[in-house]
Each structure stands twice: as structure tokens, then as C-alpha cells.
Amino acid sequence: MHPAFSILFFTTLAGAAQGLLVALALAQIAGVAMDSSFLLQAIALGLVLLVAGLASSFLHLGHKMRAWRAVLMWRTSWMSREVIVLPAYIALAALWWLSLYTGADGALAHALPWLVVLGALLLWYCTAMIYACLRFIQEWAHWSTVANFILIGLASGSVLACALAASSGQADLLDALAPWATAATFVAAIVRWSSLHRNKSLRPASTLQSATGIQAKRLVQKSMGMSAGAFNTREFFHGASQFALRNVRWAFILGLFVLPLVLELFALRGGTAWPWAWAALLQAPALIAERWVFFAQAKHPQNLYYQVVG
């Protein structure tokens, strides 16, 4: 598939923001000591990332003024459900920030951190199911798609929370979140690696014979299904070589999982704070690379006819 960069930025920014808010919410639920001004600033950063992700999602729309129509198919479309849940989650996180800012102490104020955690899980699920529900794309139609969206979001957001805590001198918060962020990164790495291994072994259910309707036993395609470029030849194929795809895959594995894990373990062992900032910086571009591979590795069945050349 050919990923739009607006979607790459949306899913990575929103995912990291959700992970950051979940980490902060769980810390508040657990009673971890945090400076109130730090918590307000960290939640505000999460809101900025969510709004930036929402804004970037508009960039690939042909008719942006008609975007509101996306909510009309909420009964059957996971994209419509995501369009509804995302603004609602932004409003929920803003309400949490407002309750902390005003010092509210009612039942709703105590329930808001729990609602933030549940809302993040719901939003991750809606976003992932947009792709996991497409049964004709084997790379996506698997439980690992939902697991990867959740785990990578938790890992990147938790590492960001640790980097913020380390830079702001929030020692109690860093001590509480550091093992959580390390474990989330490790589990995310295992699940993502297993999905890469699974996708590598997949074989398309369709063949050149079924794609073209020609039942010859030996069939070799000499040109793609159109004499010139068209929507089918552009939007369902990334256009990169297998060499480039393989290099980007290894780049995101190193930048998103391997090197951050080394830094996180070093920070846990040595009790130092600076590795968390480096881990967050490494993960930022690696998140984009991982999401690009997620889209590029997906093989649309129509490419048997429009892309494969013997």
C-alpha cells in the first residue's frame, strides 16, 4: 500500500499522546507524587499532540469541508467511529486538565483518570480496526494489528513521560514509570517482531490466473495492467524497492526498540536520567518509519495485476 504521510503523522502523534496520557493517568491513580504544574504541562503536551494529529489527518482529504460526513456511517465503519471517538477523547483529556487546574475534588474529578485510560484503549481499538477489519489484506487482518497499535502507543508515550519526568526533576514519577516504560517497549518489540515474521511468510490467496482470468498453467506478466500511471498503480503500491523496504524495517527496529531498550536498561541500572531523553528522541523518527512499513508491507490483491512485472 502507498501510505499518505498525513496518516503516518496522525497515527504516530495520536498514539504517543494517548500513551503519555495513560502513563500520567495511571501514575495519578496509583498516588505517585507529582508537581501539579508539571502534570498540567504534561497533559497539555498530550493535548497538543492529539490536536496536531487530528489536524494532520485532514491533509489527505480531497474535499476537507465534507469531512463531517465521515461520522454518518458509524454503525458499520470503524473510521466513522474513530472520527467520533477522537474529538471526544480530546474533550475528555481537556476536562481532566481543567479539573486539575481548578482543583476540583468531586466524584467526576476522581473518575477522569480512569476515563482517560479507557478512552485511550477505545481510540486505539477504533484506529487499529480500520485496518484489521480488511480481510483481503492478510498483513492487517490479524489480532497483532490491534496489539501493535496499543503496545507501540503505550511504549512511546511512556518513554516520553519518563523523558519529561527526568528533565523536570520528577524523581518519584520517573521511578514509578521507568519499569513500566521498559516493559512496554520490550513487549511491543516482541509482538511487532512476531507480526513481521508472520507477514514475511504470508502467501497471496489470489494468483495471476485468478487476477487475470487466464487459466494457463504457466503465466508470466510482462507489463502492468495499464499502459500509463493511474489511481490503481499509485495508491496501492508504495513504489519503493525491496532493498529500501528492508532497510527502513531494520531502521525502525533499531530506533524504536533495540537502542531505546539499551538506554532504558542502562538508566534503570545506573539510576541516571539522561538516557530517557535520548530514547524519546530515537523513537520519534522510528515511529514514522514503523508506521510506513506497516502500510508499505501490506499487499493489496489488485497489485498482482497492476504492479507485478515478470
C-alpha atoms as a PDB file:
ATOM      1  CA  MET A   1       0.000   0.000   0.000  1.00  0.00           C
ATOM      2  CA  HIS A   2       1.038   3.619  -0.533  1.00  0.00           C
ATOM      3  CA  PRO A   3       0.870   5.418   2.846  1.00  0.00           C
ATOM      4  CA  ALA A   4      -0.092   9.090   2.988  1.00  0.00           C
ATOM      5  CA  PHE A   5       2.276  10.974   5.275  1.00  0.00           C
ATOM      6  CA  SER A   6      -0.671  12.722   6.906  1.00  0.00           C
ATOM      7  CA  ILE A   7      -1.892   9.324   8.122  1.00  0.00           C
ATOM      8  CA  LEU A   8       1.592   8.406   9.325  1.00  0.00           C
ATOM      9  CA  PHE A   9       1.784  11.596  11.390  1.00  0.00           C
ATOM     10  CA  PHE A  10      -1.769  11.240  12.674  1.00  0.00           C
ATOM     11  CA  THR A  11      -1.422   7.664  13.920  1.00  0.00           C
ATOM     12  CA  THR A  12       2.015   8.198  15.485  1.00  0.00           C
ATOM     13  CA  LEU A  13       1.273  11.571  17.108  1.00  0.00           C
ATOM     14  CA  ALA A  14      -2.096  10.438  18.452  1.00  0.00           C
ATOM     15  CA  GLY A  15      -0.694   7.084  19.598  1.00  0.00           C
ATOM     16  CA  ALA A  16       2.187   8.675  21.516  1.00  0.00           C
ATOM     17  CA  ALA A  17      -0.183  11.264  23.036  1.00  0.00           C
ATOM     18  CA  GLN A  18      -2.537   8.523  24.218  1.00  0.00           C
ATOM     19  CA  GLY A  19       0.378   6.607  25.732  1.00  0.00           C
ATOM     20  CA  LEU A  20       1.589   9.755  27.519  1.00  0.00           C
ATOM     21  CA  LEU A  21      -1.867  10.484  28.940  1.00  0.00           C
ATOM     22  CA  VAL A  22      -2.331   6.861  30.011  1.00  0.00           C
ATOM     23  CA  ALA A  23       1.032   6.867  31.823  1.00  0.00           C
ATOM     24  CA  LEU A  24       0.162  10.093  33.639  1.00  0.00           C
ATOM     25  CA  ALA A  25      -3.345   8.875  34.479  1.00  0.00           C
ATOM     26  CA  LEU A  26      -2.077   5.576  35.885  1.00  0.00           C
ATOM     27  CA  ALA A  27       0.509   7.437  37.943  1.00  0.00           C
ATOM     28  CA  GLN A  28      -2.190   9.675  39.406  1.00  0.00           C
ATOM     29  CA  ILE A  29      -4.428   6.683  40.116  1.00  0.00           C
ATOM     30  CA  ALA A  30      -1.505   4.981  41.898  1.00  0.00           C
ATOM     31  CA  GLY A  31      -0.934   8.083  44.016  1.00  0.00           C
ATOM     32  CA  VAL A  32       2.546   8.853  42.666  1.00  0.00           C
ATOM     33  CA  ALA A  33       3.783  12.237  43.885  1.00  0.00           C
ATOM     34  CA  MET A  34       3.897  14.764  41.031  1.00  0.00           C
ATOM     35  CA  ASP A  35       4.238  18.503  40.920  1.00  0.00           C
ATOM     36  CA  SER A  36       0.878  19.953  39.871  1.00  0.00           C
ATOM     37  CA  SER A  37       2.402  22.373  37.368  1.00  0.00           C
ATOM     38  CA  PHE A  38       4.360  19.531  35.756  1.00  0.00           C
ATOM     39  CA  LEU A  39       1.224  17.399  35.445  1.00  0.00           C
ATOM     40  CA  LEU A  40      -0.694  20.267  33.845  1.00  0.00           C
ATOM     41  CA  GLN A  41       2.119  20.908  31.355  1.00  0.00           C
ATOM     42  CA  ALA A  42       2.467  17.197  30.500  1.00  0.00           C
ATOM     43  CA  ILE A  43      -1.282  16.812  29.906  1.00  0.00           C
ATOM     44  CA  ALA A  44      -1.210  19.983  27.799  1.00  0.00           C
ATOM     45  CA  LEU A  45       1.558  18.450  25.676  1.00  0.00           C
ATOM     46  CA  GLY A  46      -0.580  15.349  25.173  1.00  0.00           C
ATOM     47  CA  LEU A  47      -3.464  17.560  24.063  1.00  0.00           C
ATOM     48  CA  VAL A  48      -1.218  19.436  21.626  1.00  0.00           C
ATOM     49  CA  LEU A  49      -0.057  16.155  20.095  1.00  0.00           C
ATOM     50  CA  LEU A  50      -3.654  14.911  19.783  1.00  0.00           C
ATOM     51  CA  VAL A  51      -4.819  18.125  18.112  1.00  0.00           C
ATOM     52  CA  ALA A  52      -1.772  18.111  15.803  1.00  0.00           C
ATOM     53  CA  GLY A  53      -2.579  14.539  14.826  1.00  0.00           C
ATOM     54  CA  LEU A  54      -6.203  15.434  14.183  1.00  0.00           C
ATOM     55  CA  ALA A  55      -5.148  18.409  12.051  1.00  0.00           C
ATOM     56  CA  SER A  56      -2.707  16.294  10.024  1.00  0.00           C
ATOM     57  CA  SER A  57      -5.449  13.758   9.259  1.00  0.00           C
ATOM     58  CA  PHE A  58      -7.260  16.437   7.252  1.00  0.00           C
ATOM     59  CA  LEU A  59      -4.354  16.940   4.849  1.00  0.00           C
ATOM     60  CA  HIS A  60      -5.056  13.878   2.687  1.00  0.00           C
ATOM     61  CA  LEU A  61      -8.761  14.669   2.229  1.00  0.00           C
ATOM     62  CA  GLY A  62      -9.796  15.787  -1.234  1.00  0.00           C
ATOM     63  CA  HIS A  63     -12.795  17.827  -0.013  1.00  0.00           C
ATOM     64  CA  LYS A  64     -11.959  18.946   3.530  1.00  0.00           C
ATOM     65  CA  MET A  65     -15.258  20.782   4.000  1.00  0.00           C
ATOM     66  CA  ARG A  66     -17.061  17.457   3.687  1.00  0.00           C
ATOM     67  CA  ALA A  67     -15.054  15.793   6.467  1.00  0.00           C
ATOM     68  CA  TRP A  68     -18.049  15.930   8.824  1.00  0.00           C
ATOM     69  CA  ARG A  69     -19.786  13.333   6.660  1.00  0.00           C
ATOM     70  CA  ALA A  70     -17.325  10.733   7.940  1.00  0.00           C
ATOM     71  CA  VAL A  71     -19.433  10.318  11.088  1.00  0.00           C
ATOM     72  CA  LEU A  72     -22.558   9.261   9.182  1.00  0.00           C
ATOM     73  CA  MET A  73     -21.523   5.605   8.788  1.00  0.00           C
ATOM     74  CA  TRP A  74     -20.765   4.973  12.451  1.00  0.00           C
ATOM     75  CA  ARG A  75     -22.940   1.840  12.516  1.00  0.00           C
ATOM     76  CA  THR A  76     -20.687  -0.051  10.084  1.00  0.00           C
ATOM     77  CA  SER A  77     -17.459   1.925   9.624  1.00  0.00           C
ATOM     78  CA  TRP A  78     -14.556   1.840  12.061  1.00  0.00           C
ATOM     79  CA  MET A  79     -13.251   5.062  10.509  1.00  0.00           C
ATOM     80  CA  SER A  80     -16.514   6.802  11.362  1.00  0.00           C
ATOM     81  CA  ARG A  81     -16.249   5.516  14.919  1.00  0.00           C
ATOM     82  CA  GLU A  82     -12.695   6.807  15.158  1.00  0.00           C
ATOM     83  CA  VAL A  83     -13.831  10.212  13.859  1.00  0.00           C
ATOM     84  CA  ILE A  84     -16.353  10.339  16.724  1.00  0.00           C
ATOM     85  CA  VAL A  85     -14.095   8.943  19.458  1.00  0.00           C
ATOM     86  CA  LEU A  86     -11.030  11.122  18.756  1.00  0.00           C
ATOM     87  CA  PRO A  87     -12.649  14.549  19.388  1.00  0.00           C
ATOM     88  CA  ALA A  88     -14.491  13.060  22.360  1.00  0.00           C
ATOM     89  CA  TYR A  89     -11.178  11.858  23.783  1.00  0.00           C
ATOM     90  CA  ILE A  90      -9.586  15.271  23.249  1.00  0.00           C
ATOM     91  CA  ALA A  91     -12.514  16.820  25.125  1.00  0.00           C
ATOM     92  CA  LEU A  92     -12.125  14.253  27.918  1.00  0.00           C
ATOM     93  CA  ALA A  93      -8.402  14.974  28.283  1.00  0.00           C
ATOM     94  CA  ALA A  94      -9.126  18.723  28.268  1.00  0.00           C
ATOM     95  CA  LEU A  95     -11.710  18.192  31.012  1.00  0.00           C
ATOM     96  CA  TRP A  96      -9.115  16.293  33.053  1.00  0.00           C
ATOM     97  CA  TRP A  97      -6.675  19.207  32.631  1.00  0.00           C
ATOM     98  CA  LEU A  98      -9.385  21.689  33.628  1.00  0.00           C
ATOM     99  CA  SER A  99     -10.318  19.707  36.737  1.00  0.00           C
ATOM    100  CA  LEU A 100      -6.677  19.700  37.858  1.00  0.00           C
ATOM    101  CA  TYR A 101      -6.267  23.378  37.068  1.00  0.00           C
ATOM    102  CA  THR A 102      -9.334  24.371  39.097  1.00  0.00           C
ATOM    103  CA  GLY A 103      -8.593  21.907  41.901  1.00  0.00           C
ATOM    104  CA  ALA A 104     -11.911  20.085  41.544  1.00  0.00           C
ATOM    105  CA  ASP A 105     -12.343  17.267  44.068  1.00  0.00           C
ATOM    106  CA  GLY A 106     -15.657  15.646  43.215  1.00  0.00           C
ATOM    107  CA  ALA A 107     -16.531  12.160  42.002  1.00  0.00           C
ATOM    108  CA  LEU A 108     -16.052  13.177  38.373  1.00  0.00           C
ATOM    109  CA  ALA A 109     -12.554  14.512  39.070  1.00  0.00           C
ATOM    110  CA  HIS A 110     -11.564  11.164  40.629  1.00  0.00           C
ATOM    111  CA  ALA A 111     -13.114   9.239  37.744  1.00  0.00           C
ATOM    112  CA  LEU A 112     -11.431  11.252  34.977  1.00  0.00           C
ATOM    113  CA  PRO A 113      -8.028   9.439  35.070  1.00  0.00           C
ATOM    114  CA  TRP A 114      -9.832   6.114  34.702  1.00  0.00           C
ATOM    115  CA  LEU A 115     -11.894   7.505  31.824  1.00  0.00           C
ATOM    116  CA  VAL A 116      -8.727   8.767  30.137  1.00  0.00           C
ATOM    117  CA  VAL A 117      -7.227   5.257  30.261  1.00  0.00           C
ATOM    118  CA  LEU A 118     -10.415   3.595  28.956  1.00  0.00           C
ATOM    119  CA  GLY A 119     -10.859   6.263  26.287  1.00  0.00           C
ATOM    120  CA  ALA A 120      -7.307   5.724  25.029  1.00  0.00           C
ATOM    121  CA  LEU A 121      -7.898   1.977  24.721  1.00  0.00           C
ATOM    122  CA  LEU A 122     -11.133   2.604  22.819  1.00  0.00           C
ATOM    123  CA  LEU A 123      -9.466   5.069  20.446  1.00  0.00           C
ATOM    124  CA  TRP A 124      -6.540   2.708  19.786  1.00  0.00           C
ATOM    125  CA  TYR A 125      -9.004  -0.087  19.066  1.00  0.00           C
ATOM    126  CA  CYS A 126     -11.068   2.009  16.652  1.00  0.00           C
ATOM    127  CA  THR A 127      -7.965   3.195  14.785  1.00  0.00           C
ATOM    128  CA  ALA A 128      -6.468  -0.292  14.514  1.00  0.00           C
ATOM    129  CA  MET A 129      -9.735  -1.898  13.422  1.00  0.00           C
ATOM    130  CA  ILE A 130      -9.879   0.399  10.382  1.00  0.00           C
ATOM    131  CA  TYR A 131      -7.102  -1.827   9.028  1.00  0.00           C
ATOM    132  CA  ALA A 132      -7.646  -5.093  10.888  1.00  0.00           C
ATOM    133  CA  CYS A 133     -11.196  -5.422   9.509  1.00  0.00           C
ATOM    134  CA  LEU A 134      -9.919  -5.575   5.904  1.00  0.00           C
ATOM    135  CA  ARG A 135      -9.819  -9.343   5.471  1.00  0.00           C
ATOM    136  CA  PHE A 136      -8.465  -9.215   1.925  1.00  0.00           C
ATOM    137  CA  ILE A 137      -5.224  -7.649   3.214  1.00  0.00           C
ATOM    138  CA  GLN A 138      -3.694 -10.537   5.119  1.00  0.00           C
ATOM    139  CA  GLU A 139      -0.963  -8.475   6.776  1.00  0.00           C
ATOM    140  CA  TRP A 140      -3.588  -6.385   8.588  1.00  0.00           C
ATOM    141  CA  ALA A 141      -6.391  -8.879   9.209  1.00  0.00           C
ATOM    142  CA  HIS A 142      -4.843 -10.232  12.410  1.00  0.00           C
ATOM    143  CA  TRP A 143      -5.021  -9.626  16.162  1.00  0.00           C
ATOM    144  CA  SER A 144      -1.458  -8.280  16.097  1.00  0.00           C
ATOM    145  CA  THR A 145      -2.634  -5.124  14.303  1.00  0.00           C
ATOM    146  CA  VAL A 146      -4.683  -4.038  17.323  1.00  0.00           C
ATOM    147  CA  ALA A 147      -1.971  -5.210  19.733  1.00  0.00           C
ATOM    148  CA  ASN A 148       0.732  -3.268  17.893  1.00  0.00           C
ATOM    149  CA  PHE A 149      -1.229  -0.017  17.851  1.00  0.00           C
ATOM    150  CA  ILE A 150      -1.860  -0.277  21.587  1.00  0.00           C
ATOM    151  CA  LEU A 151       1.573  -1.500  22.647  1.00  0.00           C
ATOM    152  CA  ILE A 152       3.600   0.891  20.468  1.00  0.00           C
ATOM    153  CA  GLY A 153       1.444   3.775  21.676  1.00  0.00           C
ATOM    154  CA  LEU A 154       1.946   2.744  25.299  1.00  0.00           C
ATOM    155  CA  ALA A 155       5.698   2.287  24.809  1.00  0.00           C
ATOM    156  CA  SER A 156       6.328   5.582  23.008  1.00  0.00           C
ATOM    157  CA  GLY A 157       4.064   7.555  25.333  1.00  0.00           C
ATOM    158  CA  SER A 158       5.599   6.036  28.474  1.00  0.00           C
ATOM    159  CA  VAL A 159       9.128   6.757  27.278  1.00  0.00           C
ATOM    160  CA  LEU A 160       8.079  10.340  26.534  1.00  0.00           C
ATOM    161  CA  ALA A 161       6.576  10.599  30.037  1.00  0.00           C
ATOM    162  CA  CYS A 162       9.842   9.330  31.544  1.00  0.00           C
ATOM    163  CA  ALA A 163      11.851  11.834  29.482  1.00  0.00           C
ATOM    164  CA  LEU A 164       9.607  14.669  30.679  1.00  0.00           C
ATOM    165  CA  ALA A 165       9.846  13.473  34.291  1.00  0.00           C
ATOM    166  CA  ALA A 166      13.636  13.194  34.072  1.00  0.00           C
ATOM    167  CA  SER A 167      14.037  16.667  32.579  1.00  0.00           C
ATOM    168  CA  SER A 168      11.714  18.208  35.200  1.00  0.00           C
ATOM    169  CA  GLY A 169      13.214  16.514  38.235  1.00  0.00           C
ATOM    170  CA  GLN A 170      10.127  14.398  38.985  1.00  0.00           C
ATOM    171  CA  ALA A 171      12.079  11.607  40.663  1.00  0.00           C
ATOM    172  CA  ASP A 172       9.080   9.774  42.140  1.00  0.00           C
ATOM    173  CA  LEU A 173       7.266   9.733  38.811  1.00  0.00           C
ATOM    174  CA  LEU A 174      10.394   8.567  36.973  1.00  0.00           C
ATOM    175  CA  ASP A 175      10.949   5.753  39.473  1.00  0.00           C
ATOM    176  CA  ALA A 176       7.333   4.630  39.042  1.00  0.00           C
ATOM    177  CA  LEU A 177       7.178   4.846  35.244  1.00  0.00           C
ATOM    178  CA  ALA A 178      10.671   3.611  34.300  1.00  0.00           C
ATOM    179  CA  PRO A 179       9.943  -0.135  34.784  1.00  0.00           C
ATOM    180  CA  TRP A 180       6.552   0.296  33.087  1.00  0.00           C
ATOM    181  CA  ALA A 181       8.096   2.037  30.044  1.00  0.00           C
ATOM    182  CA  THR A 182      10.840  -0.580  29.753  1.00  0.00           C
ATOM    183  CA  ALA A 183       8.372  -3.459  29.971  1.00  0.00           C
ATOM    184  CA  ALA A 184       6.034  -1.805  27.440  1.00  0.00           C
ATOM    185  CA  THR A 185       8.915  -1.304  24.991  1.00  0.00           C
ATOM    186  CA  PHE A 186      10.029  -4.932  25.383  1.00  0.00           C
ATOM    187  CA  VAL A 187       6.536  -6.405  24.921  1.00  0.00           C
ATOM    188  CA  ALA A 188       5.873  -4.094  21.953  1.00  0.00           C
ATOM    189  CA  ALA A 189       9.134  -5.269  20.366  1.00  0.00           C
ATOM    190  CA  ILE A 190       8.223  -8.940  20.760  1.00  0.00           C
ATOM    191  CA  VAL A 191       4.732  -8.535  19.313  1.00  0.00           C
ATOM    192  CA  ARG A 192       5.908  -6.343  16.420  1.00  0.00           C
ATOM    193  CA  TRP A 193       8.711  -8.747  15.587  1.00  0.00           C
ATOM    194  CA  SER A 194       6.279 -11.661  15.566  1.00  0.00           C
ATOM    195  CA  SER A 195       3.969  -9.762  13.200  1.00  0.00           C
ATOM    196  CA  LEU A 196       6.890  -9.030  10.858  1.00  0.00           C
ATOM    197  CA  HIS A 197       7.835 -12.721  10.894  1.00  0.00           C
ATOM    198  CA  ARG A 198       4.225 -13.734  10.191  1.00  0.00           C
ATOM    199  CA  ASN A 199       3.844 -11.242   7.340  1.00  0.00           C
ATOM    200  CA  LYS A 200       7.061 -12.464   5.744  1.00  0.00           C
ATOM    201  CA  SER A 201       5.650 -15.990   5.456  1.00  0.00           C
ATOM    202  CA  LEU A 202       2.273 -14.975   4.011  1.00  0.00           C
ATOM    203  CA  ARG A 203       1.361 -16.014   0.512  1.00  0.00           C
ATOM    204  CA  PRO A 204      -1.395 -14.280  -1.501  1.00  0.00           C
ATOM    205  CA  ALA A 205      -4.638 -16.208  -1.806  1.00  0.00           C
ATOM    206  CA  SER A 206      -5.036 -14.905  -5.367  1.00  0.00           C
ATOM    207  CA  THR A 207      -2.828 -15.826  -8.306  1.00  0.00           C
ATOM    208  CA  LEU A 208      -2.068 -14.325 -11.682  1.00  0.00           C
ATOM    209  CA  GLN A 209      -4.576 -16.777 -13.109  1.00  0.00           C
ATOM    210  CA  SER A 210      -7.391 -15.663 -10.806  1.00  0.00           C
ATOM    211  CA  ALA A 211      -6.437 -11.985 -11.181  1.00  0.00           C
ATOM    212  CA  THR A 212      -6.475 -12.020 -14.973  1.00  0.00           C
ATOM    213  CA  GLY A 213      -8.979 -14.797 -15.651  1.00  0.00           C
ATOM    214  CA  ILE A 214      -6.432 -16.621 -17.807  1.00  0.00           C
ATOM    215  CA  GLN A 215      -6.247 -20.253 -16.710  1.00  0.00           C
ATOM    216  CA  ALA A 216      -2.954 -21.215 -18.361  1.00  0.00           C
ATOM    217  CA  LYS A 217      -0.736 -23.288 -16.060  1.00  0.00           C
ATOM    218  CA  ARG A 218       2.263 -21.034 -16.669  1.00  0.00           C
ATOM    219  CA  LEU A 219       1.534 -17.320 -16.813  1.00  0.00           C
ATOM    220  CA  VAL A 220       4.144 -14.542 -16.801  1.00  0.00           C
ATOM    221  CA  GLN A 221       3.177 -10.880 -16.677  1.00  0.00           C
ATOM    222  CA  LYS A 222       5.284  -8.677 -18.961  1.00  0.00           C
ATOM    223  CA  SER A 223       3.699  -5.324 -18.192  1.00  0.00           C
ATOM    224  CA  MET A 224       1.349  -3.905 -15.604  1.00  0.00           C
ATOM    225  CA  GLY A 225      -2.380  -3.774 -16.211  1.00  0.00           C
ATOM    226  CA  MET A 226      -2.359  -0.221 -17.570  1.00  0.00           C
ATOM    227  CA  SER A 227      -0.323   1.496 -20.235  1.00  0.00           C
ATOM    228  CA  ALA A 228       0.203   4.569 -18.027  1.00  0.00           C
ATOM    229  CA  GLY A 229       0.021   5.519 -14.377  1.00  0.00           C
ATOM    230  CA  ALA A 230      -3.404   5.625 -12.747  1.00  0.00           C
ATOM    231  CA  PHE A 231      -5.039   5.536  -9.304  1.00  0.00           C
ATOM    232  CA  ASN A 232      -4.585   1.766  -9.118  1.00  0.00           C
ATOM    233  CA  THR A 233      -0.873   1.970  -9.857  1.00  0.00           C
ATOM    234  CA  ARG A 234      -0.202   4.810  -7.407  1.00  0.00           C
ATOM    235  CA  GLU A 235      -2.380   4.361  -4.328  1.00  0.00           C
ATOM    236  CA  PHE A 236      -1.999   0.618  -3.721  1.00  0.00           C
ATOM    237  CA  PHE A 237       1.779   0.335  -4.079  1.00  0.00           C
ATOM    238  CA  HIS A 238       4.496   2.236  -2.207  1.00  0.00           C
ATOM    239  CA  GLY A 239       6.886   2.319  -5.179  1.00  0.00           C
ATOM    240  CA  ALA A 240       9.998   1.562  -3.109  1.00  0.00           C
ATOM    241  CA  SER A 241      12.382  -1.293  -3.793  1.00  0.00           C
ATOM    242  CA  GLN A 242      12.590  -4.356  -1.580  1.00  0.00           C
ATOM    243  CA  PHE A 243      16.070  -3.174  -0.573  1.00  0.00           C
ATOM    244  CA  ALA A 244      14.656   0.154   0.661  1.00  0.00           C
ATOM    245  CA  LEU A 245      11.778  -1.580   2.440  1.00  0.00           C
ATOM    246  CA  ARG A 246      14.194  -3.922   4.211  1.00  0.00           C
ATOM    247  CA  ASN A 247      16.437  -1.011   5.302  1.00  0.00           C
ATOM    248  CA  VAL A 248      13.526   1.012   6.683  1.00  0.00           C
ATOM    249  CA  ARG A 249      12.336  -2.097   8.534  1.00  0.00           C
ATOM    250  CA  TRP A 250      15.683  -2.547  10.260  1.00  0.00           C
ATOM    251  CA  ALA A 251      15.923   1.195  10.943  1.00  0.00           C
ATOM    252  CA  PHE A 252      12.658   1.265  12.857  1.00  0.00           C
ATOM    253  CA  ILE A 253      13.510  -1.940  14.764  1.00  0.00           C
ATOM    254  CA  LEU A 254      16.755  -0.358  15.954  1.00  0.00           C
ATOM    255  CA  GLY A 255      15.369   3.116  16.590  1.00  0.00           C
ATOM    256  CA  LEU A 256      12.061   2.124  18.145  1.00  0.00           C
ATOM    257  CA  PHE A 257      13.011  -0.946  20.154  1.00  0.00           C
ATOM    258  CA  VAL A 258      16.644  -2.084  20.331  1.00  0.00           C
ATOM    259  CA  LEU A 259      18.512   1.161  21.085  1.00  0.00           C
ATOM    260  CA  PRO A 260      15.791   2.594  23.383  1.00  0.00           C
ATOM    261  CA  LEU A 261      15.750  -0.684  25.338  1.00  0.00           C
ATOM    262  CA  VAL A 262      19.514  -0.488  25.792  1.00  0.00           C
ATOM    263  CA  LEU A 263      19.207   3.096  27.027  1.00  0.00           C
ATOM    264  CA  GLU A 264      16.281   2.240  29.310  1.00  0.00           C
ATOM    265  CA  LEU A 265      18.088  -0.699  30.894  1.00  0.00           C
ATOM    266  CA  PHE A 266      21.172   1.480  31.359  1.00  0.00           C
ATOM    267  CA  ALA A 267      19.013   4.118  33.059  1.00  0.00           C
ATOM    268  CA  LEU A 268      17.405   1.537  35.337  1.00  0.00           C
ATOM    269  CA  ARG A 269      20.748   0.002  36.269  1.00  0.00           C
ATOM    270  CA  GLY A 270      22.657   3.226  36.763  1.00  0.00           C
ATOM    271  CA  GLY A 271      19.882   5.379  38.155  1.00  0.00           C
ATOM    272  CA  THR A 272      20.609   8.131  35.627  1.00  0.00           C
ATOM    273  CA  ALA A 273      18.038  10.294  33.872  1.00  0.00           C
ATOM    274  CA  TRP A 274      19.636  11.430  30.607  1.00  0.00           C
ATOM    275  CA  PRO A 275      19.096   8.143  28.638  1.00  0.00           C
ATOM    276  CA  TRP A 276      15.335   8.730  28.671  1.00  0.00           C
ATOM    277  CA  ALA A 277      15.664  11.887  26.586  1.00  0.00           C
ATOM    278  CA  TRP A 278      17.808  10.045  24.036  1.00  0.00           C
ATOM    279  CA  ALA A 279      15.364   7.138  23.944  1.00  0.00           C
ATOM    280  CA  ALA A 280      12.460   9.528  23.230  1.00  0.00           C
ATOM    281  CA  LEU A 281      14.439  11.302  20.510  1.00  0.00           C
ATOM    282  CA  LEU A 282      15.357   8.000  18.859  1.00  0.00           C
ATOM    283  CA  GLN A 283      11.773   6.797  18.907  1.00  0.00           C
ATOM    284  CA  ALA A 284      10.302   9.919  17.279  1.00  0.00           C
ATOM    285  CA  PRO A 285      11.522   9.265  13.683  1.00  0.00           C
ATOM    286  CA  ALA A 286      11.420   5.496  14.212  1.00  0.00           C
ATOM    287  CA  LEU A 287       7.669   5.706  14.889  1.00  0.00           C
ATOM    288  CA  ILE A 288       7.161   7.251  11.437  1.00  0.00           C
ATOM    289  CA  ALA A 289       9.351   4.548   9.872  1.00  0.00           C
ATOM    290  CA  GLU A 290       7.442   1.773  11.662  1.00  0.00           C
ATOM    291  CA  ARG A 291       4.082   3.088  10.510  1.00  0.00           C
ATOM    292  CA  TRP A 292       5.380   3.477   6.941  1.00  0.00           C
ATOM    293  CA  VAL A 293       6.441  -0.177   6.962  1.00  0.00           C
ATOM    294  CA  PHE A 294       3.035  -1.142   8.375  1.00  0.00           C
ATOM    295  CA  PHE A 295       1.373   0.330   5.288  1.00  0.00           C
ATOM    296  CA  ALA A 296       4.049  -0.494   2.728  1.00  0.00           C
ATOM    297  CA  GLN A 297       4.271  -4.161   3.727  1.00  0.00           C
ATOM    298  CA  ALA A 298       0.541  -4.661   3.157  1.00  0.00           C
ATOM    299  CA  LYS A 299      -0.024  -6.275  -0.221  1.00  0.00           C
ATOM    300  CA  HIS A 300      -3.296  -5.371  -1.910  1.00  0.00           C
ATOM    301  CA  PRO A 301      -4.554  -8.262  -4.106  1.00  0.00           C
ATOM    302  CA  GLN A 302      -5.013  -5.944  -7.087  1.00  0.00           C
ATOM    303  CA  ASN A 303      -1.234  -5.500  -7.279  1.00  0.00           C
ATOM    304  CA  LEU A 304      -0.972  -8.968  -8.801  1.00  0.00           C
ATOM    305  CA  TYR A 305      -2.410  -7.368 -11.929  1.00  0.00           C
ATOM    306  CA  TYR A 306      -1.319  -3.733 -11.687  1.00  0.00           C
ATOM    307  CA  GLN A 307       2.178  -3.948 -10.218  1.00  0.00           C
ATOM    308  CA  VAL A 308       3.883  -7.311 -10.671  1.00  0.00           C
ATOM    309  CA  VAL A 309       6.028  -7.468 -13.791  1.00  0.00           C
ATOM    310  CA  GLY A 310       7.827 -10.599 -14.898  1.00  0.00           C
END
